[in-house]
N, C-alpha and C. Protein backbone atom coordinates (compact mmCIF):
# COMPACT_ATOMS: atom_id res chain seq x y z
N PHE A 1 0.85 -1.18 0.00
CA PHE A 1 0.00 0.00 0.00
C PHE A 1 0.89 1.24 0.00
N VAL A 2 0.70 2.10 -0.97
CA VAL A 2 1.42 3.38 -1.01
C VAL A 2 0.42 4.51 -1.10
N LYS A 3 0.77 5.63 -0.53
CA LYS A 3 -0.11 6.79 -0.52
C LYS A 3 0.68 8.02 -0.98
N ASP A 4 0.03 8.83 -1.78
CA ASP A 4 0.64 10.07 -2.27
C ASP A 4 0.22 11.21 -1.35
N PHE A 5 0.96 11.40 -0.28
CA PHE A 5 0.61 12.42 0.70
C PHE A 5 0.65 13.83 0.11
N LYS A 6 1.46 14.04 -0.90
CA LYS A 6 1.55 15.37 -1.52
C LYS A 6 0.47 15.57 -2.58
N GLN A 7 -0.27 14.52 -2.89
CA GLN A 7 -1.38 14.56 -3.84
C GLN A 7 -0.99 15.18 -5.18
N CYS A 8 0.11 14.70 -5.73
CA CYS A 8 0.61 15.17 -7.03
C CYS A 8 0.87 14.00 -7.98
N TRP A 9 0.01 12.98 -7.91
CA TRP A 9 0.12 11.83 -8.79
C TRP A 9 1.53 11.21 -8.71
N TYR A 10 2.06 11.19 -7.50
CA TYR A 10 3.34 10.56 -7.18
C TYR A 10 4.53 11.23 -7.87
N GLN A 11 4.33 12.39 -8.47
CA GLN A 11 5.42 13.11 -9.13
C GLN A 11 6.44 13.63 -8.11
N LYS A 12 6.02 13.78 -6.87
CA LYS A 12 6.92 14.25 -5.81
C LYS A 12 7.39 13.09 -4.94
N GLY A 13 7.11 11.88 -5.36
CA GLY A 13 7.59 10.68 -4.67
C GLY A 13 6.72 10.25 -3.51
N LEU A 14 7.28 9.34 -2.73
CA LEU A 14 6.63 8.79 -1.55
C LEU A 14 7.23 9.48 -0.34
N LEU A 15 6.40 10.09 0.45
CA LEU A 15 6.82 10.91 1.57
C LEU A 15 7.88 10.20 2.43
N GLY A 16 9.03 10.84 2.57
CA GLY A 16 10.11 10.32 3.40
C GLY A 16 10.89 9.18 2.78
N LYS A 17 10.53 8.78 1.56
CA LYS A 17 11.19 7.63 0.93
C LYS A 17 11.83 7.97 -0.42
N THR A 18 11.06 8.67 -1.27
CA THR A 18 11.53 8.93 -2.63
C THR A 18 11.16 10.35 -3.04
N ASN A 19 11.68 10.78 -4.19
CA ASN A 19 11.45 12.16 -4.64
C ASN A 19 10.69 12.29 -5.96
N ASP A 20 10.51 11.16 -6.67
CA ASP A 20 9.85 11.22 -7.97
C ASP A 20 9.35 9.83 -8.35
N ILE A 21 8.77 9.72 -9.52
CA ILE A 21 8.22 8.44 -9.99
C ILE A 21 9.31 7.38 -10.11
N GLU A 22 10.39 7.70 -10.78
CA GLU A 22 11.43 6.70 -11.03
C GLU A 22 12.04 6.16 -9.74
N SER A 23 12.32 7.04 -8.78
CA SER A 23 12.88 6.55 -7.51
C SER A 23 11.82 5.77 -6.73
N SER A 24 10.55 6.11 -6.92
CA SER A 24 9.48 5.34 -6.28
C SER A 24 9.40 3.94 -6.86
N ILE A 25 9.55 3.82 -8.17
CA ILE A 25 9.55 2.51 -8.81
C ILE A 25 10.70 1.66 -8.27
N GLU A 26 11.88 2.24 -8.18
CA GLU A 26 13.03 1.51 -7.65
C GLU A 26 12.80 1.10 -6.20
N TYR A 27 12.23 2.00 -5.41
CA TYR A 27 11.92 1.69 -4.01
C TYR A 27 10.95 0.51 -3.93
N LEU A 28 9.89 0.55 -4.73
CA LEU A 28 8.91 -0.53 -4.72
C LEU A 28 9.53 -1.85 -5.16
N LYS A 29 10.38 -1.81 -6.18
CA LYS A 29 11.07 -3.03 -6.63
C LYS A 29 11.86 -3.65 -5.49
N ASN A 30 12.47 -2.80 -4.68
CA ASN A 30 13.31 -3.30 -3.58
C ASN A 30 12.52 -3.83 -2.40
N ILE A 31 11.27 -3.38 -2.21
CA ILE A 31 10.52 -3.85 -1.04
C ILE A 31 9.56 -5.00 -1.37
N ILE A 32 9.34 -5.25 -2.64
CA ILE A 32 8.50 -6.40 -3.02
C ILE A 32 9.36 -7.66 -2.84
N PRO A 33 8.90 -8.59 -2.03
CA PRO A 33 9.70 -9.80 -1.78
C PRO A 33 10.06 -10.53 -3.08
N LYS A 34 11.27 -11.00 -3.16
CA LYS A 34 11.74 -11.72 -4.36
C LYS A 34 10.93 -13.00 -4.60
N THR A 35 10.31 -13.50 -3.54
CA THR A 35 9.52 -14.73 -3.65
C THR A 35 8.09 -14.49 -4.14
N THR A 36 7.75 -13.22 -4.44
CA THR A 36 6.40 -12.90 -4.90
C THR A 36 6.12 -13.64 -6.20
N GLU A 37 5.03 -14.39 -6.19
CA GLU A 37 4.67 -15.18 -7.37
C GLU A 37 3.66 -14.47 -8.26
N LYS A 38 2.83 -13.63 -7.66
CA LYS A 38 1.79 -12.94 -8.42
C LYS A 38 1.64 -11.53 -7.85
N LEU A 39 1.79 -10.54 -8.70
CA LEU A 39 1.70 -9.15 -8.27
C LEU A 39 0.49 -8.49 -8.92
N THR A 40 -0.39 -7.93 -8.09
CA THR A 40 -1.54 -7.18 -8.58
C THR A 40 -1.43 -5.76 -8.08
N ALA A 41 -1.61 -4.79 -8.96
CA ALA A 41 -1.63 -3.37 -8.59
C ALA A 41 -3.08 -2.91 -8.65
N LEU A 42 -3.53 -2.24 -7.60
CA LEU A 42 -4.93 -1.83 -7.51
C LEU A 42 -5.00 -0.45 -6.91
N GLY A 43 -5.90 0.39 -7.43
CA GLY A 43 -6.08 1.71 -6.85
C GLY A 43 -7.29 2.42 -7.44
N ALA A 44 -7.67 3.51 -6.79
CA ALA A 44 -8.80 4.32 -7.23
C ALA A 44 -8.37 5.76 -7.38
N SER A 45 -8.89 6.42 -8.41
CA SER A 45 -8.62 7.83 -8.70
C SER A 45 -7.11 8.01 -8.93
N ALA A 46 -6.45 8.86 -8.16
CA ALA A 46 -5.00 9.02 -8.32
C ALA A 46 -4.29 7.71 -7.98
N GLY A 47 -4.88 6.93 -7.09
CA GLY A 47 -4.33 5.61 -6.79
C GLY A 47 -4.47 4.66 -7.96
N GLY A 48 -5.51 4.87 -8.77
CA GLY A 48 -5.67 4.10 -10.00
C GLY A 48 -4.60 4.48 -11.01
N PHE A 49 -4.30 5.78 -11.07
CA PHE A 49 -3.18 6.26 -11.89
C PHE A 49 -1.92 5.53 -11.45
N ALA A 50 -1.67 5.48 -10.14
CA ALA A 50 -0.46 4.84 -9.61
C ALA A 50 -0.47 3.34 -9.89
N ALA A 51 -1.63 2.70 -9.77
CA ALA A 51 -1.71 1.26 -10.03
C ALA A 51 -1.26 0.98 -11.46
N ILE A 52 -1.68 1.82 -12.39
CA ILE A 52 -1.29 1.63 -13.79
C ILE A 52 0.19 1.96 -13.98
N ARG A 53 0.60 3.13 -13.51
CA ARG A 53 2.00 3.58 -13.73
C ARG A 53 2.99 2.64 -13.06
N PHE A 54 2.76 2.34 -11.78
CA PHE A 54 3.69 1.47 -11.07
C PHE A 54 3.52 0.01 -11.52
N GLY A 55 2.28 -0.41 -11.73
CA GLY A 55 2.03 -1.80 -12.13
C GLY A 55 2.73 -2.16 -13.43
N VAL A 56 2.70 -1.27 -14.39
CA VAL A 56 3.36 -1.52 -15.67
C VAL A 56 4.87 -1.58 -15.46
N ALA A 57 5.42 -0.62 -14.73
CA ALA A 57 6.87 -0.58 -14.51
C ALA A 57 7.36 -1.78 -13.70
N LEU A 58 6.50 -2.28 -12.81
CA LEU A 58 6.87 -3.42 -11.96
C LEU A 58 6.50 -4.76 -12.60
N ASN A 59 5.95 -4.70 -13.80
CA ASN A 59 5.52 -5.89 -14.53
C ASN A 59 4.52 -6.72 -13.72
N ALA A 60 3.54 -6.04 -13.16
CA ALA A 60 2.49 -6.72 -12.41
C ALA A 60 1.75 -7.70 -13.31
N ASP A 61 1.20 -8.72 -12.70
CA ASP A 61 0.43 -9.69 -13.47
C ASP A 61 -0.94 -9.13 -13.85
N ARG A 62 -1.44 -8.26 -13.00
CA ARG A 62 -2.78 -7.71 -13.21
C ARG A 62 -2.83 -6.30 -12.61
N ILE A 63 -3.56 -5.43 -13.29
CA ILE A 63 -3.76 -4.05 -12.81
C ILE A 63 -5.25 -3.77 -12.80
N ILE A 64 -5.73 -3.27 -11.66
CA ILE A 64 -7.14 -2.93 -11.51
C ILE A 64 -7.21 -1.47 -11.08
N ALA A 65 -7.86 -0.64 -11.89
CA ALA A 65 -7.94 0.79 -11.59
C ALA A 65 -9.40 1.24 -11.64
N PHE A 66 -9.83 1.88 -10.57
CA PHE A 66 -11.18 2.43 -10.48
C PHE A 66 -11.11 3.94 -10.73
N SER A 67 -11.78 4.40 -11.76
CA SER A 67 -11.85 5.84 -12.08
C SER A 67 -10.49 6.53 -12.04
N PRO A 68 -9.48 5.97 -12.73
CA PRO A 68 -8.16 6.60 -12.67
C PRO A 68 -8.07 7.84 -13.55
N GLN A 69 -7.24 8.78 -13.15
CA GLN A 69 -6.87 9.83 -14.07
C GLN A 69 -5.79 9.21 -14.96
N THR A 70 -5.86 9.44 -16.26
CA THR A 70 -4.90 8.84 -17.17
C THR A 70 -4.10 9.88 -17.95
N LEU A 71 -4.53 11.13 -17.86
CA LEU A 71 -3.81 12.25 -18.45
C LEU A 71 -3.93 13.39 -17.46
N VAL A 72 -2.84 13.66 -16.75
CA VAL A 72 -2.87 14.70 -15.73
C VAL A 72 -2.36 16.00 -16.34
N ASP A 73 -3.26 16.95 -16.49
CA ASP A 73 -2.91 18.28 -17.00
C ASP A 73 -3.36 19.30 -15.95
N LYS A 74 -3.24 20.57 -16.28
CA LYS A 74 -3.61 21.62 -15.32
C LYS A 74 -5.07 21.53 -14.90
N GLU A 75 -5.95 21.22 -15.85
CA GLU A 75 -7.37 21.11 -15.52
C GLU A 75 -7.63 19.95 -14.56
N THR A 76 -7.00 18.82 -14.80
CA THR A 76 -7.14 17.67 -13.91
C THR A 76 -6.65 18.04 -12.51
N ALA A 77 -5.51 18.69 -12.43
CA ALA A 77 -4.97 19.11 -11.13
C ALA A 77 -5.90 20.11 -10.45
N ARG A 78 -6.48 21.01 -11.22
CA ARG A 78 -7.41 22.00 -10.66
C ARG A 78 -8.63 21.31 -10.03
N VAL A 79 -9.10 20.26 -10.67
CA VAL A 79 -10.29 19.54 -10.18
C VAL A 79 -9.96 18.64 -8.99
N PHE A 80 -8.84 17.93 -9.05
CA PHE A 80 -8.56 16.90 -8.05
C PHE A 80 -7.53 17.27 -7.00
N SER A 81 -6.63 18.20 -7.27
CA SER A 81 -5.58 18.51 -6.31
C SER A 81 -4.96 19.87 -6.58
N LYS A 82 -5.59 20.90 -6.11
CA LYS A 82 -5.10 22.26 -6.36
C LYS A 82 -3.70 22.49 -5.82
N SER A 83 -3.28 21.69 -4.85
CA SER A 83 -1.96 21.88 -4.24
C SER A 83 -0.82 21.65 -5.23
N CYS A 84 -1.07 20.94 -6.31
CA CYS A 84 -0.01 20.65 -7.29
C CYS A 84 0.14 21.73 -8.36
N LEU A 85 -0.79 22.63 -8.45
CA LEU A 85 -0.77 23.60 -9.55
C LEU A 85 0.49 24.47 -9.57
N ARG A 86 1.00 24.81 -8.41
CA ARG A 86 2.14 25.72 -8.33
C ARG A 86 3.43 25.15 -8.90
N ASP A 87 3.75 23.93 -8.54
CA ASP A 87 5.11 23.48 -8.83
C ASP A 87 5.20 22.16 -9.60
N MET A 88 4.15 21.79 -10.31
CA MET A 88 4.23 20.58 -11.11
C MET A 88 4.57 20.91 -12.55
N VAL A 89 5.35 20.04 -13.18
CA VAL A 89 5.70 20.19 -14.59
C VAL A 89 4.71 19.32 -15.37
N PHE A 90 3.79 19.97 -16.07
CA PHE A 90 2.69 19.23 -16.68
C PHE A 90 3.03 18.60 -18.03
N ASP A 91 4.19 18.88 -18.58
CA ASP A 91 4.57 18.21 -19.83
C ASP A 91 5.44 16.99 -19.55
N ASN A 92 5.41 16.50 -18.33
CA ASN A 92 6.16 15.34 -17.91
C ASN A 92 5.57 14.08 -18.54
N PHE A 93 6.42 13.27 -19.12
CA PHE A 93 6.03 12.01 -19.76
C PHE A 93 5.15 11.15 -18.84
N ASP A 94 5.49 11.09 -17.56
CA ASP A 94 4.78 10.23 -16.62
C ASP A 94 3.34 10.62 -16.38
N LEU A 95 2.93 11.81 -16.76
CA LEU A 95 1.57 12.26 -16.50
C LEU A 95 0.58 11.84 -17.58
N ASP A 96 1.06 11.30 -18.67
CA ASP A 96 0.19 10.80 -19.74
C ASP A 96 0.36 9.29 -19.84
N LEU A 97 -0.58 8.56 -19.26
CA LEU A 97 -0.45 7.10 -19.23
C LEU A 97 -0.52 6.48 -20.61
N LYS A 98 -1.10 7.16 -21.57
CA LYS A 98 -1.10 6.63 -22.94
C LYS A 98 0.33 6.57 -23.48
N GLU A 99 1.11 7.59 -23.18
CA GLU A 99 2.53 7.59 -23.58
C GLU A 99 3.31 6.51 -22.83
N VAL A 100 3.05 6.39 -21.54
CA VAL A 100 3.72 5.38 -20.72
C VAL A 100 3.42 3.99 -21.25
N LEU A 101 2.14 3.72 -21.51
CA LEU A 101 1.74 2.40 -22.00
C LEU A 101 2.31 2.15 -23.40
N GLY A 102 2.40 3.18 -24.22
CA GLY A 102 3.00 3.03 -25.54
C GLY A 102 4.47 2.66 -25.45
N LYS A 103 5.16 3.23 -24.48
CA LYS A 103 6.59 2.94 -24.29
C LYS A 103 6.79 1.52 -23.77
N TYR A 104 6.03 1.14 -22.77
CA TYR A 104 6.22 -0.16 -22.13
C TYR A 104 5.54 -1.31 -22.88
N ASN A 105 4.51 -1.00 -23.68
CA ASN A 105 3.74 -2.00 -24.40
C ASN A 105 3.44 -3.20 -23.49
N PRO A 106 2.65 -2.97 -22.44
CA PRO A 106 2.44 -3.99 -21.42
C PRO A 106 1.70 -5.23 -21.93
N LYS A 107 2.05 -6.35 -21.32
CA LYS A 107 1.41 -7.62 -21.66
C LYS A 107 0.40 -8.05 -20.60
N MET A 108 0.44 -7.38 -19.43
CA MET A 108 -0.47 -7.79 -18.36
C MET A 108 -1.88 -7.30 -18.62
N LYS A 109 -2.78 -7.83 -17.84
CA LYS A 109 -4.19 -7.47 -17.95
C LYS A 109 -4.40 -6.15 -17.18
N ILE A 110 -4.87 -5.12 -17.87
CA ILE A 110 -5.18 -3.84 -17.23
C ILE A 110 -6.68 -3.65 -17.31
N GLU A 111 -7.31 -3.56 -16.15
CA GLU A 111 -8.75 -3.39 -16.08
C GLU A 111 -9.08 -2.00 -15.57
N ILE A 112 -9.96 -1.32 -16.29
CA ILE A 112 -10.41 0.02 -15.90
C ILE A 112 -11.91 -0.06 -15.59
N TYR A 113 -12.26 0.33 -14.39
CA TYR A 113 -13.66 0.40 -13.96
C TYR A 113 -14.01 1.88 -13.83
N TYR A 114 -15.11 2.29 -14.46
CA TYR A 114 -15.46 3.71 -14.42
C TYR A 114 -16.97 3.92 -14.51
N ALA A 115 -17.39 5.12 -14.14
CA ALA A 115 -18.80 5.50 -14.19
C ALA A 115 -19.13 6.02 -15.59
N ALA A 116 -20.04 5.36 -16.28
CA ALA A 116 -20.40 5.73 -17.65
C ALA A 116 -20.99 7.13 -17.75
N LYS A 117 -21.62 7.59 -16.68
CA LYS A 117 -22.26 8.91 -16.70
C LYS A 117 -21.36 10.02 -16.15
N ASN A 118 -20.12 9.70 -15.89
CA ASN A 118 -19.16 10.71 -15.45
C ASN A 118 -18.22 10.97 -16.63
N ASN A 119 -18.44 12.09 -17.32
CA ASN A 119 -17.70 12.37 -18.55
C ASN A 119 -16.19 12.38 -18.35
N ARG A 120 -15.74 12.95 -17.26
CA ARG A 120 -14.29 13.03 -16.99
C ARG A 120 -13.71 11.62 -16.86
N ASP A 121 -14.38 10.75 -16.10
CA ASP A 121 -13.88 9.39 -15.91
C ASP A 121 -13.98 8.56 -17.18
N LYS A 122 -15.04 8.75 -17.95
CA LYS A 122 -15.19 8.04 -19.22
C LYS A 122 -14.08 8.45 -20.20
N GLU A 123 -13.80 9.75 -20.28
CA GLU A 123 -12.73 10.24 -21.15
C GLU A 123 -11.38 9.68 -20.73
N ALA A 124 -11.16 9.61 -19.41
CA ALA A 124 -9.89 9.08 -18.90
C ALA A 124 -9.74 7.60 -19.29
N ALA A 125 -10.82 6.83 -19.15
CA ALA A 125 -10.77 5.41 -19.53
C ALA A 125 -10.55 5.28 -21.03
N ASP A 126 -11.26 6.07 -21.81
CA ASP A 126 -11.13 6.00 -23.27
C ASP A 126 -9.74 6.41 -23.74
N HIS A 127 -9.06 7.27 -22.99
CA HIS A 127 -7.73 7.76 -23.36
C HIS A 127 -6.73 6.60 -23.50
N ILE A 128 -6.92 5.54 -22.73
CA ILE A 128 -5.97 4.41 -22.80
C ILE A 128 -6.66 3.10 -23.20
N LYS A 129 -7.80 3.20 -23.85
CA LYS A 129 -8.60 2.02 -24.17
C LYS A 129 -7.87 1.00 -25.05
N ASP A 130 -6.87 1.41 -25.79
CA ASP A 130 -6.13 0.48 -26.63
C ASP A 130 -5.31 -0.52 -25.81
N TYR A 131 -5.14 -0.22 -24.54
CA TYR A 131 -4.30 -1.06 -23.67
C TYR A 131 -5.09 -1.73 -22.55
N THR A 132 -6.40 -1.54 -22.53
CA THR A 132 -7.17 -1.97 -21.36
C THR A 132 -8.43 -2.73 -21.73
N LYS A 133 -8.99 -3.32 -20.71
CA LYS A 133 -10.34 -3.86 -20.79
C LYS A 133 -11.17 -2.96 -19.90
N GLU A 134 -12.23 -2.38 -20.45
CA GLU A 134 -13.05 -1.42 -19.71
C GLU A 134 -14.32 -2.05 -19.17
N PHE A 135 -14.69 -1.60 -17.96
CA PHE A 135 -15.94 -2.01 -17.33
C PHE A 135 -16.65 -0.73 -16.88
N SER A 136 -17.79 -0.46 -17.47
CA SER A 136 -18.50 0.77 -17.12
C SER A 136 -19.76 0.44 -16.32
N TYR A 137 -20.15 1.40 -15.50
CA TYR A 137 -21.33 1.24 -14.65
C TYR A 137 -22.21 2.47 -14.81
N GLU A 138 -23.51 2.27 -14.82
CA GLU A 138 -24.47 3.35 -15.05
C GLU A 138 -24.65 4.21 -13.80
N THR A 139 -23.65 5.01 -13.54
CA THR A 139 -23.66 5.96 -12.44
C THR A 139 -22.80 7.14 -12.85
N ASP A 140 -22.87 8.21 -12.07
CA ASP A 140 -22.05 9.38 -12.39
C ASP A 140 -20.99 9.64 -11.32
N THR A 141 -20.88 8.77 -10.33
CA THR A 141 -19.96 9.03 -9.24
C THR A 141 -18.51 8.71 -9.59
N HIS A 142 -17.62 9.60 -9.21
CA HIS A 142 -16.19 9.33 -9.35
C HIS A 142 -15.74 8.31 -8.32
N LEU A 143 -16.48 8.21 -7.22
CA LEU A 143 -16.15 7.27 -6.15
C LEU A 143 -16.71 5.89 -6.48
N LEU A 144 -16.25 5.34 -7.57
CA LEU A 144 -16.82 4.11 -8.09
C LEU A 144 -16.60 2.92 -7.18
N ALA A 145 -15.44 2.80 -6.56
CA ALA A 145 -15.20 1.66 -5.67
C ALA A 145 -16.22 1.64 -4.54
N ALA A 146 -16.53 2.80 -3.98
CA ALA A 146 -17.54 2.88 -2.92
C ALA A 146 -18.91 2.50 -3.47
N TYR A 147 -19.23 2.97 -4.66
CA TYR A 147 -20.50 2.62 -5.32
C TYR A 147 -20.59 1.11 -5.52
N LEU A 148 -19.51 0.50 -6.00
CA LEU A 148 -19.51 -0.95 -6.22
C LEU A 148 -19.65 -1.71 -4.91
N LYS A 149 -19.02 -1.20 -3.87
CA LYS A 149 -19.15 -1.84 -2.56
C LYS A 149 -20.60 -1.78 -2.08
N GLU A 150 -21.22 -0.61 -2.18
CA GLU A 150 -22.61 -0.43 -1.76
C GLU A 150 -23.57 -1.34 -2.53
N ASN A 151 -23.19 -1.65 -3.77
CA ASN A 151 -24.06 -2.47 -4.62
C ASN A 151 -23.62 -3.93 -4.69
N GLY A 152 -22.73 -4.32 -3.79
CA GLY A 152 -22.32 -5.72 -3.69
C GLY A 152 -21.47 -6.24 -4.83
N LYS A 153 -20.83 -5.35 -5.59
CA LYS A 153 -20.04 -5.79 -6.74
C LYS A 153 -18.53 -5.71 -6.51
N LEU A 154 -18.10 -4.92 -5.54
CA LEU A 154 -16.66 -4.78 -5.31
C LEU A 154 -16.05 -6.09 -4.81
N GLU A 155 -16.73 -6.75 -3.92
CA GLU A 155 -16.21 -8.00 -3.36
C GLU A 155 -15.97 -9.03 -4.45
N GLU A 156 -16.84 -9.07 -5.44
CA GLU A 156 -16.69 -10.00 -6.56
C GLU A 156 -15.40 -9.69 -7.32
N ILE A 157 -15.13 -8.42 -7.57
CA ILE A 157 -13.91 -8.03 -8.28
C ILE A 157 -12.68 -8.40 -7.45
N LEU A 158 -12.71 -8.07 -6.17
CA LEU A 158 -11.58 -8.35 -5.30
C LEU A 158 -11.36 -9.86 -5.11
N ASP A 159 -12.43 -10.61 -5.06
CA ASP A 159 -12.30 -12.06 -4.93
C ASP A 159 -11.64 -12.70 -6.13
N SER A 160 -11.65 -12.00 -7.26
CA SER A 160 -11.06 -12.57 -8.48
C SER A 160 -9.54 -12.40 -8.52
N ILE A 161 -9.00 -11.71 -7.54
CA ILE A 161 -7.54 -11.47 -7.51
C ILE A 161 -6.83 -12.74 -7.07
């Protein structure tokens, strides 16, 4: 479990551990036990972004992302994390998961779960649809994992891991 305390899509690293995405990937590689047989990356919203970004770099067997941001620009930061607007470099390769996925050409299963009636989340899922399997739900909430839990569907997804 990793958390982005600075709420900048992990561009500022893991608090007290790393300073950027690349050093975070190296840190995660070093703490994942060598005996790990199956690695799944899972997250929601910015954590979904991280599940995809880190999961691909770590060669996870499976990636599950709920309502992830897949292209972080100034508008995305304005909506989800105003604290990053001042000092983030928005033309950074790591902020566009379509570019990241194009570079890595992942072979693992990447699953995107999103709200069909939430235009921002639908656009984010569609941005990387060439690399994913999409699952949409007839709701408008960005908090899709909570919605799925309330409707008895999250446990089914998690049980499949």
